[in-house]
PDB file of all heavy atoms in Angstrom:
ATOM      1  N   ASN A   1      10.743   1.746  -0.875  1.00  0.00           N
ATOM      2  CA  ASN A   1       9.618   0.740  -0.770  1.00  0.00           C
ATOM      3  C   ASN A   1       8.506   1.346   0.109  1.00  0.00           C
ATOM      4  O   ASN A   1       7.330   1.123  -0.112  1.00  0.00           O
ATOM      5  CB  ASN A   1      10.059  -0.542  -0.189  1.00  0.00           C
ATOM      6  CG  ASN A   1      10.715  -1.478  -1.217  1.00  0.00           C
ATOM      7  OD1 ASN A   1      11.009  -0.950  -2.380  1.00  0.00           O
ATOM      8  ND2 ASN A   1      10.871  -2.635  -0.965  1.00  0.00           N
ATOM      9  N   ASP A   2       8.926   2.019   1.197  1.00  0.00           N
ATOM     10  CA  ASP A   2       7.961   2.592   2.223  1.00  0.00           C
ATOM     11  C   ASP A   2       7.077   3.605   1.457  1.00  0.00           C
ATOM     12  O   ASP A   2       5.816   3.574   1.667  1.00  0.00           O
ATOM     13  CB  ASP A   2       8.783   3.231   3.252  1.00  0.00           C
ATOM     14  CG  ASP A   2       7.905   3.627   4.451  1.00  0.00           C
ATOM     15  OD1 ASP A   2       6.791   3.078   4.563  1.00  0.00           O
ATOM     16  OD2 ASP A   2       8.269   4.433   5.276  1.00  0.00           O
ATOM     17  N   VAL A   3       7.635   4.527   0.736  1.00  0.00           N
ATOM     18  CA  VAL A   3       6.782   5.599   0.085  1.00  0.00           C
ATOM     19  C   VAL A   3       5.920   4.958  -1.053  1.00  0.00           C
ATOM     20  O   VAL A   3       4.861   5.402  -1.350  1.00  0.00           O
ATOM     21  CB  VAL A   3       7.616   6.742  -0.381  1.00  0.00           C
ATOM     22  CG1 VAL A   3       8.119   7.579   0.744  1.00  0.00           C
ATOM     23  CG2 VAL A   3       8.709   6.332  -1.254  1.00  0.00           C
ATOM     24  N   LEU A   4       6.420   3.928  -1.721  1.00  0.00           N
ATOM     25  CA  LEU A   4       5.671   3.220  -2.722  1.00  0.00           C
ATOM     26  C   LEU A   4       4.426   2.576  -2.026  1.00  0.00           C
ATOM     27  O   LEU A   4       3.334   2.664  -2.551  1.00  0.00           O
ATOM     28  CB  LEU A   4       6.457   2.083  -3.375  1.00  0.00           C
ATOM     29  CG  LEU A   4       7.597   2.516  -4.324  1.00  0.00           C
ATOM     30  CD1 LEU A   4       8.486   1.299  -4.675  1.00  0.00           C
ATOM     31  CD2 LEU A   4       7.011   3.115  -5.648  1.00  0.00           C
ATOM     32  N   GLU A   5       4.620   2.033  -0.857  1.00  0.00           N
ATOM     33  CA  GLU A   5       3.485   1.477  -0.154  1.00  0.00           C
ATOM     34  C   GLU A   5       2.509   2.479   0.303  1.00  0.00           C
ATOM     35  O   GLU A   5       1.252   2.204   0.305  1.00  0.00           O
ATOM     36  CB  GLU A   5       3.958   0.595   1.012  1.00  0.00           C
ATOM     37  CG  GLU A   5       2.903  -0.076   1.842  1.00  0.00           C
ATOM     38  CD  GLU A   5       3.376  -0.838   3.050  1.00  0.00           C
ATOM     39  OE1 GLU A   5       4.619  -0.853   3.269  1.00  0.00           O
ATOM     40  OE2 GLU A   5       2.590  -1.401   3.729  1.00  0.00           O
ATOM     41  N   LEU A   6       2.982   3.678   0.741  1.00  0.00           N
ATOM     42  CA  LEU A   6       2.083   4.728   1.127  1.00  0.00           C
ATOM     43  C   LEU A   6       1.140   5.068   0.017  1.00  0.00           C
ATOM     44  O   LEU A   6      -0.086   5.209   0.207  1.00  0.00           O
ATOM     45  CB  LEU A   6       2.887   5.909   1.618  1.00  0.00           C
ATOM     46  CG  LEU A   6       3.718   5.759   2.885  1.00  0.00           C
ATOM     47  CD1 LEU A   6       4.473   7.075   3.157  1.00  0.00           C
ATOM     48  CD2 LEU A   6       2.876   5.389   4.067  1.00  0.00           C
ATOM     49  N   ALA A   7       1.683   5.210  -1.186  1.00  0.00           N
ATOM     50  CA  ALA A   7       0.859   5.558  -2.346  1.00  0.00           C
ATOM     51  C   ALA A   7      -0.167   4.538  -2.651  1.00  0.00           C
ATOM     52  O   ALA A   7      -1.312   4.761  -2.878  1.00  0.00           O
ATOM     53  CB  ALA A   7       1.735   5.751  -3.594  1.00  0.00           C
ATOM     54  N   ALA A   8       0.202   3.221  -2.496  1.00  0.00           N
ATOM     55  CA  ALA A   8      -0.680   2.122  -2.722  1.00  0.00           C
ATOM     56  C   ALA A   8      -1.816   2.092  -1.710  1.00  0.00           C
ATOM     57  O   ALA A   8      -3.019   1.835  -2.003  1.00  0.00           O
ATOM     58  CB  ALA A   8       0.066   0.800  -2.714  1.00  0.00           C
ATOM     59  N   ARG A   9      -1.474   2.322  -0.479  1.00  0.00           N
ATOM     60  CA  ARG A   9      -2.488   2.251   0.599  1.00  0.00           C
ATOM     61  C   ARG A   9      -3.536   3.359   0.473  1.00  0.00           C
ATOM     62  O   ARG A   9      -4.689   3.232   0.826  1.00  0.00           O
ATOM     63  CB  ARG A   9      -1.782   2.427   2.018  1.00  0.00           C
ATOM     64  CG  ARG A   9      -1.068   1.114   2.397  1.00  0.00           C
ATOM     65  CD  ARG A   9      -0.258   1.394   3.690  1.00  0.00           C
ATOM     66  NE  ARG A   9      -1.129   1.819   4.736  1.00  0.00           N
ATOM     67  CZ  ARG A   9      -0.658   2.483   5.898  1.00  0.00           C
ATOM     68  NH1 ARG A   9       0.657   2.728   6.058  1.00  0.00           N
ATOM     69  NH2 ARG A   9      -1.542   2.830   6.789  1.00  0.00           N
ATOM     70  N   ILE A  10      -3.104   4.513  -0.063  1.00  0.00           N
ATOM     71  CA  ILE A  10      -4.017   5.626  -0.260  1.00  0.00           C
ATOM     72  C   ILE A  10      -4.961   5.470  -1.405  1.00  0.00           C
ATOM     73  O   ILE A  10      -6.172   5.667  -1.314  1.00  0.00           O
ATOM     74  CB  ILE A  10      -3.224   7.013  -0.403  1.00  0.00           C
ATOM     75  CG1 ILE A  10      -2.444   7.303   0.928  1.00  0.00           C
ATOM     76  CG2 ILE A  10      -4.133   8.081  -0.803  1.00  0.00           C
ATOM     77  CD1 ILE A  10      -1.420   8.466   0.682  1.00  0.00           C
ATOM     78  N   PHE A  11      -4.520   4.937  -2.519  1.00  0.00           N
ATOM     79  CA  PHE A  11      -5.228   4.954  -3.724  1.00  0.00           C
ATOM     80  C   PHE A  11      -5.764   3.632  -4.141  1.00  0.00           C
ATOM     81  O   PHE A  11      -6.676   3.567  -5.049  1.00  0.00           O
ATOM     82  CB  PHE A  11      -4.406   5.536  -4.891  1.00  0.00           C
ATOM     83  CG  PHE A  11      -4.169   7.063  -4.687  1.00  0.00           C
ATOM     84  CD1 PHE A  11      -3.006   7.511  -4.139  1.00  0.00           C
ATOM     85  CD2 PHE A  11      -5.080   7.954  -5.092  1.00  0.00           C
ATOM     86  CE1 PHE A  11      -2.790   8.912  -3.971  1.00  0.00           C
ATOM     87  CE2 PHE A  11      -4.933   9.349  -4.847  1.00  0.00           C
ATOM     88  CZ  PHE A  11      -3.738   9.774  -4.341  1.00  0.00           C
ATOM     89  N   LEU A  12      -5.284   2.540  -3.586  1.00  0.00           N
ATOM     90  CA  LEU A  12      -5.786   1.241  -4.018  1.00  0.00           C
ATOM     91  C   LEU A  12      -6.683   0.632  -2.955  1.00  0.00           C
ATOM     92  O   LEU A  12      -6.470   0.853  -1.719  1.00  0.00           O
ATOM     93  CB  LEU A  12      -4.596   0.268  -4.284  1.00  0.00           C
ATOM     94  CG  LEU A  12      -3.754   0.576  -5.461  1.00  0.00           C
ATOM     95  CD1 LEU A  12      -2.604  -0.373  -5.575  1.00  0.00           C
ATOM     96  CD2 LEU A  12      -4.483   0.602  -6.724  1.00  0.00           C
ATOM     97  N   ARG A  13      -7.634  -0.212  -3.354  1.00  0.00           N
ATOM     98  CA  ARG A  13      -8.561  -0.901  -2.521  1.00  0.00           C
ATOM     99  C   ARG A  13      -9.190  -2.049  -3.318  1.00  0.00           C
ATOM    100  O   ARG A  13      -8.975  -2.079  -4.488  1.00  0.00           O
ATOM    101  CB  ARG A  13      -9.623   0.081  -1.891  1.00  0.00           C
ATOM    102  CG  ARG A  13     -10.446   0.661  -3.090  1.00  0.00           C
ATOM    103  CD  ARG A  13     -11.347   1.808  -2.584  1.00  0.00           C
ATOM    104  NE  ARG A  13     -10.614   2.835  -1.946  1.00  0.00           N
ATOM    105  CZ  ARG A  13     -10.140   3.899  -2.639  1.00  0.00           C
ATOM    106  NH1 ARG A  13     -10.270   3.927  -3.989  1.00  0.00           N
ATOM    107  NH2 ARG A  13      -9.468   4.789  -2.036  1.00  0.00           N
ATOM    108  N   PRO A  14      -9.861  -2.974  -2.649  1.00  0.00           N
ATOM    109  CA  PRO A  14     -10.536  -4.037  -3.344  1.00  0.00           C
ATOM    110  C   PRO A  14     -11.442  -3.447  -4.432  1.00  0.00           C
ATOM    111  O   PRO A  14     -12.176  -2.496  -4.203  1.00  0.00           O
ATOM    112  CB  PRO A  14     -11.330  -4.743  -2.263  1.00  0.00           C
ATOM    113  CG  PRO A  14     -10.494  -4.522  -1.013  1.00  0.00           C
ATOM    114  CD  PRO A  14      -9.988  -3.165  -1.109  1.00  0.00           C
ATOM    115  N   GLY A  15     -11.288  -4.000  -5.620  1.00  0.00           N
ATOM    116  CA  GLY A  15     -12.091  -3.477  -6.742  1.00  0.00           C
ATOM    117  C   GLY A  15     -11.347  -2.575  -7.614  1.00  0.00           C
ATOM    118  O   GLY A  15     -11.690  -2.366  -8.806  1.00  0.00           O
ATOM    119  N   ALA A  16     -10.260  -1.968  -7.141  1.00  0.00           N
ATOM    120  CA  ALA A  16      -9.393  -1.037  -7.956  1.00  0.00           C
ATOM    121  C   ALA A  16      -8.393  -1.866  -8.641  1.00  0.00           C
ATOM    122  O   ALA A  16      -8.079  -3.041  -8.321  1.00  0.00           O
ATOM    123  CB  ALA A  16      -8.815  -0.001  -7.072  1.00  0.00           C
ATOM    124  N   THR A  17      -7.732  -1.241  -9.695  1.00  0.00           N
ATOM    125  CA  THR A  17      -6.621  -1.931 -10.410  1.00  0.00           C
ATOM    126  C   THR A  17      -5.430  -1.059 -10.416  1.00  0.00           C
ATOM    127  O   THR A  17      -5.475   0.142 -10.358  1.00  0.00           O
ATOM    128  CB  THR A  17      -7.065  -2.280 -11.818  1.00  0.00           C
ATOM    129  OG1 THR A  17      -7.290  -1.079 -12.526  1.00  0.00           O
ATOM    130  CG2 THR A  17      -8.327  -3.090 -11.926  1.00  0.00           C
ATOM    131  N   ALA A  18      -4.251  -1.811 -10.406  1.00  0.00           N
ATOM    132  CA  ALA A  18      -2.927  -1.113 -10.590  1.00  0.00           C
ATOM    133  C   ALA A  18      -2.366  -1.754 -11.838  1.00  0.00           C
ATOM    134  O   ALA A  18      -2.378  -2.957 -12.101  1.00  0.00           O
ATOM    135  CB  ALA A  18      -2.093  -1.398  -9.349  1.00  0.00           C
ATOM    136  N   ILE A  19      -1.686  -0.908 -12.632  1.00  0.00           N
ATOM    137  CA  ILE A  19      -1.059  -1.251 -13.800  1.00  0.00           C
ATOM    138  C   ILE A  19       0.462  -1.213 -13.688  1.00  0.00           C
ATOM    139  O   ILE A  19       1.004  -0.280 -13.132  1.00  0.00           O
ATOM    140  CB  ILE A  19      -1.484  -0.443 -15.044  1.00  0.00           C
ATOM    141  CG1 ILE A  19      -2.955  -0.594 -15.327  1.00  0.00           C
ATOM    142  CG2 ILE A  19      -0.655  -0.734 -16.276  1.00  0.00           C
ATOM    143  CD1 ILE A  19      -3.522   0.359 -16.317  1.00  0.00           C
ATOM    144  N   TYR A  20       1.154  -2.239 -14.147  1.00  0.00           N
ATOM    145  CA  TYR A  20       2.611  -2.286 -14.167  1.00  0.00           C
ATOM    146  C   TYR A  20       3.070  -3.121 -15.343  1.00  0.00           C
ATOM    147  O   TYR A  20       2.288  -3.954 -15.878  1.00  0.00           O
ATOM    148  CB  TYR A  20       3.205  -2.800 -12.872  1.00  0.00           C
ATOM    149  CG  TYR A  20       2.458  -3.855 -12.234  1.00  0.00           C
ATOM    150  CD1 TYR A  20       2.497  -5.211 -12.722  1.00  0.00           C
ATOM    151  CD2 TYR A  20       1.443  -3.564 -11.196  1.00  0.00           C
ATOM    152  CE1 TYR A  20       1.721  -6.172 -12.053  1.00  0.00           C
ATOM    153  CE2 TYR A  20       0.767  -4.597 -10.576  1.00  0.00           C
ATOM    154  CZ  TYR A  20       0.912  -5.890 -11.042  1.00  0.00           C
ATOM    155  OH  TYR A  20       0.107  -6.906 -10.426  1.00  0.00           O
ATOM    156  N   SER A  21       4.302  -3.050 -15.688  1.00  0.00           N
ATOM    157  CA  SER A  21       4.832  -3.783 -16.801  1.00  0.00           C
ATOM    158  C   SER A  21       5.294  -5.182 -16.456  1.00  0.00           C
ATOM    159  O   SER A  21       5.694  -5.481 -15.307  1.00  0.00           O
ATOM    160  CB  SER A  21       6.066  -2.969 -17.427  1.00  0.00           C
ATOM    161  OG  SER A  21       6.593  -3.761 -18.475  1.00  0.00           O
ATOM    162  N   GLN A  22       5.220  -6.048 -17.439  1.00  0.00           N
ATOM    163  CA  GLN A  22       5.844  -7.404 -17.311  1.00  0.00           C
ATOM    164  C   GLN A  22       7.392  -7.121 -17.028  1.00  0.00           C
ATOM    165  O   GLN A  22       7.953  -6.183 -17.578  1.00  0.00           O
ATOM    166  CB  GLN A  22       5.671  -8.176 -18.589  1.00  0.00           C
ATOM    167  CG  GLN A  22       6.246  -9.535 -18.552  1.00  0.00           C
ATOM    168  CD  GLN A  22       6.204 -10.154 -19.946  1.00  0.00           C
ATOM    169  OE1 GLN A  22       6.035  -9.467 -20.932  1.00  0.00           O
ATOM    170  NE2 GLN A  22       6.255 -11.523 -19.990  1.00  0.00           N
ATOM    171  N   TYR A  23       7.916  -7.914 -16.226  1.00  0.00           N
ATOM    172  CA  TYR A  23       9.367  -7.787 -15.826  1.00  0.00           C
ATOM    173  C   TYR A  23       9.750  -6.592 -14.945  1.00  0.00           C
ATOM    174  O   TYR A  23      10.857  -6.168 -14.851  1.00  0.00           O
ATOM    175  CB  TYR A  23      10.318  -7.859 -17.043  1.00  0.00           C
ATOM    176  CG  TYR A  23      10.013  -8.928 -18.042  1.00  0.00           C
ATOM    177  CD1 TYR A  23       9.954  -8.603 -19.391  1.00  0.00           C
ATOM    178  CD2 TYR A  23       9.788 -10.234 -17.645  1.00  0.00           C
ATOM    179  CE1 TYR A  23       9.723  -9.596 -20.295  1.00  0.00           C
ATOM    180  CE2 TYR A  23       9.533 -11.246 -18.562  1.00  0.00           C
ATOM    181  CZ  TYR A  23       9.545 -10.920 -19.932  1.00  0.00           C
ATOM    182  OH  TYR A  23       9.263 -11.884 -20.830  1.00  0.00           O
ATOM    183  N   ALA A  24       8.685  -5.891 -14.496  1.00  0.00           N
ATOM    184  CA  ALA A  24       8.951  -4.733 -13.579  1.00  0.00           C
ATOM    185  C   ALA A  24       9.197  -5.160 -12.199  1.00  0.00           C
ATOM    186  O   ALA A  24       9.140  -6.317 -11.858  1.00  0.00           O
ATOM    187  CB  ALA A  24       7.832  -3.767 -13.667  1.00  0.00           C
ATOM    188  N   PHE A  25       9.600  -4.209 -11.370  1.00  0.00           N
ATOM    189  CA  PHE A  25       9.995  -4.498  -9.965  1.00  0.00           C
ATOM    190  C   PHE A  25       8.928  -5.302  -9.234  1.00  0.00           C
ATOM    191  O   PHE A  25       7.676  -4.992  -9.289  1.00  0.00           O
ATOM    192  CB  PHE A  25      10.156  -3.172  -9.226  1.00  0.00           C
ATOM    193  CG  PHE A  25      10.788  -3.221  -7.929  1.00  0.00           C
ATOM    194  CD1 PHE A  25      11.644  -4.204  -7.539  1.00  0.00           C
ATOM    195  CD2 PHE A  25      10.501  -2.227  -7.007  1.00  0.00           C
ATOM    196  CE1 PHE A  25      12.199  -4.275  -6.269  1.00  0.00           C
ATOM    197  CE2 PHE A  25      11.032  -2.231  -5.672  1.00  0.00           C
ATOM    198  CZ  PHE A  25      11.912  -3.291  -5.326  1.00  0.00           C
ATOM    199  N   ALA A  26       9.340  -6.350  -8.602  1.00  0.00           N
ATOM    200  CA  ALA A  26       8.377  -7.344  -7.984  1.00  0.00           C
ATOM    201  C   ALA A  26       7.590  -6.756  -6.922  1.00  0.00           C
ATOM    202  O   ALA A  26       6.512  -7.314  -6.526  1.00  0.00           O
ATOM    203  CB  ALA A  26       9.233  -8.570  -7.479  1.00  0.00           C
ATOM    204  N   ILE A  27       7.962  -5.647  -6.325  1.00  0.00           N
ATOM    205  CA  ILE A  27       7.155  -5.046  -5.258  1.00  0.00           C
ATOM    206  C   ILE A  27       5.825  -4.520  -5.743  1.00  0.00           C
ATOM    207  O   ILE A  27       4.814  -4.542  -4.998  1.00  0.00           O
ATOM    208  CB  ILE A  27       7.960  -3.871  -4.600  1.00  0.00           C
ATOM    209  CG1 ILE A  27       9.209  -4.448  -3.802  1.00  0.00           C
ATOM    210  CG2 ILE A  27       7.124  -2.997  -3.752  1.00  0.00           C
ATOM    211  CD1 ILE A  27       8.801  -5.336  -2.582  1.00  0.00           C
ATOM    212  N   TYR A  28       5.671  -4.066  -6.982  1.00  0.00           N
ATOM    213  CA  TYR A  28       4.522  -3.416  -7.442  1.00  0.00           C
ATOM    214  C   TYR A  28       3.329  -4.488  -7.295  1.00  0.00           C
ATOM    215  O   TYR A  28       2.238  -4.070  -6.739  1.00  0.00           O
ATOM    216  CB  TYR A  28       4.603  -3.005  -8.830  1.00  0.00           C
ATOM    217  CG  TYR A  28       5.721  -2.036  -9.136  1.00  0.00           C
ATOM    218  CD1 TYR A  28       6.391  -1.951 -10.333  1.00  0.00           C
ATOM    219  CD2 TYR A  28       6.259  -1.250  -8.075  1.00  0.00           C
ATOM    220  CE1 TYR A  28       7.466  -1.060 -10.583  1.00  0.00           C
ATOM    221  CE2 TYR A  28       7.323  -0.387  -8.281  1.00  0.00           C
ATOM    222  CZ  TYR A  28       7.938  -0.324  -9.558  1.00  0.00           C
ATOM    223  OH  TYR A  28       9.000   0.549  -9.770  1.00  0.00           O
ATOM    224  N   PRO A  29       3.329  -5.655  -7.833  1.00  0.00           N
ATOM    225  CA  PRO A  29       2.187  -6.557  -7.596  1.00  0.00           C
ATOM    226  C   PRO A  29       1.930  -6.905  -6.188  1.00  0.00           C
ATOM    227  O   PRO A  29       0.757  -7.105  -5.744  1.00  0.00           O
ATOM    228  CB  PRO A  29       2.601  -7.784  -8.476  1.00  0.00           C
ATOM    229  CG  PRO A  29       4.006  -7.667  -8.687  1.00  0.00           C
ATOM    230  CD  PRO A  29       4.320  -6.211  -8.737  1.00  0.00           C
ATOM    231  N   LEU A  30       3.027  -6.972  -5.367  1.00  0.00           N
ATOM    232  CA  LEU A  30       2.838  -7.245  -3.960  1.00  0.00           C
ATOM    233  C   LEU A  30       2.034  -6.139  -3.299  1.00  0.00           C
ATOM    234  O   LEU A  30       1.149  -6.427  -2.443  1.00  0.00           O
ATOM    235  CB  LEU A  30       4.188  -7.464  -3.305  1.00  0.00           C
ATOM    236  CG  LEU A  30       4.968  -8.724  -3.609  1.00  0.00           C
ATOM    237  CD1 LEU A  30       6.281  -8.722  -2.837  1.00  0.00           C
ATOM    238  CD2 LEU A  30       4.157  -9.977  -3.279  1.00  0.00           C
ATOM    239  N   LEU A  31       2.317  -4.952  -3.613  1.00  0.00           N
ATOM    240  CA  LEU A  31       1.671  -3.726  -3.058  1.00  0.00           C
ATOM    241  C   LEU A  31       0.151  -3.783  -3.414  1.00  0.00           C
ATOM    242  O   LEU A  31      -0.710  -3.516  -2.565  1.00  0.00           O
ATOM    243  CB  LEU A  31       2.236  -2.484  -3.568  1.00  0.00           C
ATOM    244  CG  LEU A  31       3.673  -2.172  -3.110  1.00  0.00           C
ATOM    245  CD1 LEU A  31       4.165  -0.843  -3.715  1.00  0.00           C
ATOM    246  CD2 LEU A  31       3.743  -2.032  -1.583  1.00  0.00           C
ATOM    247  N   ALA A  32      -0.143  -4.152  -4.664  1.00  0.00           N
ATOM    248  CA  ALA A  32      -1.558  -4.116  -5.112  1.00  0.00           C
ATOM    249  C   ALA A  32      -2.261  -5.313  -4.348  1.00  0.00           C
ATOM    250  O   ALA A  32      -3.362  -5.103  -3.838  1.00  0.00           O
ATOM    251  CB  ALA A  32      -1.625  -4.362  -6.570  1.00  0.00           C
ATOM    252  N   GLN A  33      -1.654  -6.447  -4.296  1.00  0.00           N
ATOM    253  CA  GLN A  33      -2.285  -7.586  -3.659  1.00  0.00           C
ATOM    254  C   GLN A  33      -2.458  -7.441  -2.176  1.00  0.00           C
ATOM    255  O   GLN A  33      -3.508  -7.853  -1.633  1.00  0.00           O
ATOM    256  CB  GLN A  33      -1.435  -8.848  -3.944  1.00  0.00           C
ATOM    257  CG  GLN A  33      -2.047 -10.181  -3.511  1.00  0.00           C
ATOM    258  CD  GLN A  33      -1.226 -11.331  -3.856  1.00  0.00           C
ATOM    259  OE1 GLN A  33      -0.204 -11.261  -4.526  1.00  0.00           O
ATOM    260  NE2 GLN A  33      -1.727 -12.505  -3.509  1.00  0.00           N
ATOM    261  N   ALA A  34      -1.631  -6.680  -1.497  1.00  0.00           N
ATOM    262  CA  ALA A  34      -1.697  -6.543  -0.113  1.00  0.00           C
ATOM    263  C   ALA A  34      -2.911  -5.704   0.365  1.00  0.00           C
ATOM    264  O   ALA A  34      -3.317  -5.825   1.487  1.00  0.00           O
ATOM    265  CB  ALA A  34      -0.353  -5.824   0.456  1.00  0.00           C
ATOM    266  N   VAL A  35      -3.459  -4.865  -0.545  1.00  0.00           N
ATOM    267  CA  VAL A  35      -4.626  -4.098  -0.225  1.00  0.00           C
ATOM    268  C   VAL A  35      -5.901  -4.656  -0.979  1.00  0.00           C
ATOM    269  O   VAL A  35      -6.933  -3.958  -0.916  1.00  0.00           O
ATOM    270  CB  VAL A  35      -4.447  -2.600  -0.618  1.00  0.00           C
ATOM    271  CG1 VAL A  35      -3.376  -2.033   0.391  1.00  0.00           C
ATOM    272  CG2 VAL A  35      -4.011  -2.377  -2.025  1.00  0.00           C
ATOM    273  N   GLY A  36      -5.825  -5.807  -1.535  1.00  0.00           N
ATOM    274  CA  GLY A  36      -6.940  -6.426  -2.191  1.00  0.00           C
ATOM    275  C   GLY A  36      -7.183  -5.856  -3.645  1.00  0.00           C
ATOM    276  O   GLY A  36      -8.311  -6.226  -4.179  1.00  0.00           O
ATOM    277  N   ALA A  37      -6.323  -5.059  -4.160  1.00  0.00           N
ATOM    278  CA  ALA A  37      -6.528  -4.524  -5.485  1.00  0.00           C
ATOM    279  C   ALA A  37      -6.144  -5.614  -6.554  1.00  0.00           C
ATOM    280  O   ALA A  37      -5.410  -6.539  -6.296  1.00  0.00           O
ATOM    281  CB  ALA A  37      -5.783  -3.264  -5.766  1.00  0.00           C
ATOM    282  N   ARG A  38      -6.535  -5.420  -7.761  1.00  0.00           N
ATOM    283  CA  ARG A  38      -6.193  -6.313  -8.867  1.00  0.00           C
ATOM    284  C   ARG A  38      -5.030  -5.676  -9.707  1.00  0.00           C
ATOM    285  O   ARG A  38      -5.129  -4.553 -10.106  1.00  0.00           O
ATOM    286  CB  ARG A  38      -7.329  -6.606  -9.794  1.00  0.00           C
ATOM    287  CG  ARG A  38      -7.111  -7.598 -10.887  1.00  0.00           C
ATOM    288  CD  ARG A  38      -8.409  -8.061 -11.609  1.00  0.00           C
ATOM    289  NE  ARG A  38      -9.081  -6.946 -12.270  1.00  0.00           N
ATOM    290  CZ  ARG A  38      -8.805  -6.615 -13.546  1.00  0.00           C
ATOM    291  NH1 ARG A  38      -8.005  -7.238 -14.213  1.00  0.00           N
ATOM    292  NH2 ARG A  38      -9.552  -5.568 -14.068  1.00  0.00           N
ATOM    293  N   GLY A  39      -3.982  -6.470  -9.888  1.00  0.00           N
ATOM    294  CA  GLY A  39      -2.922  -6.044 -10.718  1.00  0.00           C
ATOM    295  C   GLY A  39      -3.133  -6.345 -12.212  1.00  0.00           C
ATOM    296  O   GLY A  39      -3.585  -7.379 -12.489  1.00  0.00           O
ATOM    297  N   ILE A  40      -2.746  -5.459 -13.050  1.00  0.00           N
ATOM    298  CA  ILE A  40      -2.771  -5.676 -14.462  1.00  0.00           C
ATOM    299  C   ILE A  40      -1.348  -5.626 -15.010  1.00  0.00           C
ATOM    300  O   ILE A  40      -0.725  -4.521 -15.017  1.00  0.00           O
ATOM    301  CB  ILE A  40      -3.684  -4.629 -15.146  1.00  0.00           C
ATOM    302  CG1 ILE A  40      -5.040  -4.733 -14.677  1.00  0.00           C
ATOM    303  CG2 ILE A  40      -3.523  -4.819 -16.743  1.00  0.00           C
ATOM    304  CD1 ILE A  40      -6.017  -3.731 -15.340  1.00  0.00           C
ATOM    305  N   THR A  41      -0.852  -6.708 -15.500  1.00  0.00           N
ATOM    306  CA  THR A  41       0.501  -6.859 -16.075  1.00  0.00           C
ATOM    307  C   THR A  41       0.495  -6.638 -17.505  1.00  0.00           C
ATOM    308  O   THR A  41      -0.199  -7.366 -18.305  1.00  0.00           O
ATOM    309  CB  THR A  41       1.144  -8.153 -15.736  1.00  0.00           C
ATOM    310  OG1 THR A  41       1.165  -8.393 -14.338  1.00  0.00           O
ATOM    311  CG2 THR A  41       2.532  -8.239 -16.243  1.00  0.00           C
TER     312      THR A  41
END
């Protein structure tokens, strides 16, 4: 989880989007939301 968060903190920011699958690991949308990015399921 720590290294997943590091990647999110480097590349995501408000206005950016992260893509993940429906039913995927719940941490992914949390990582995007925590830095103000928009998640696309």
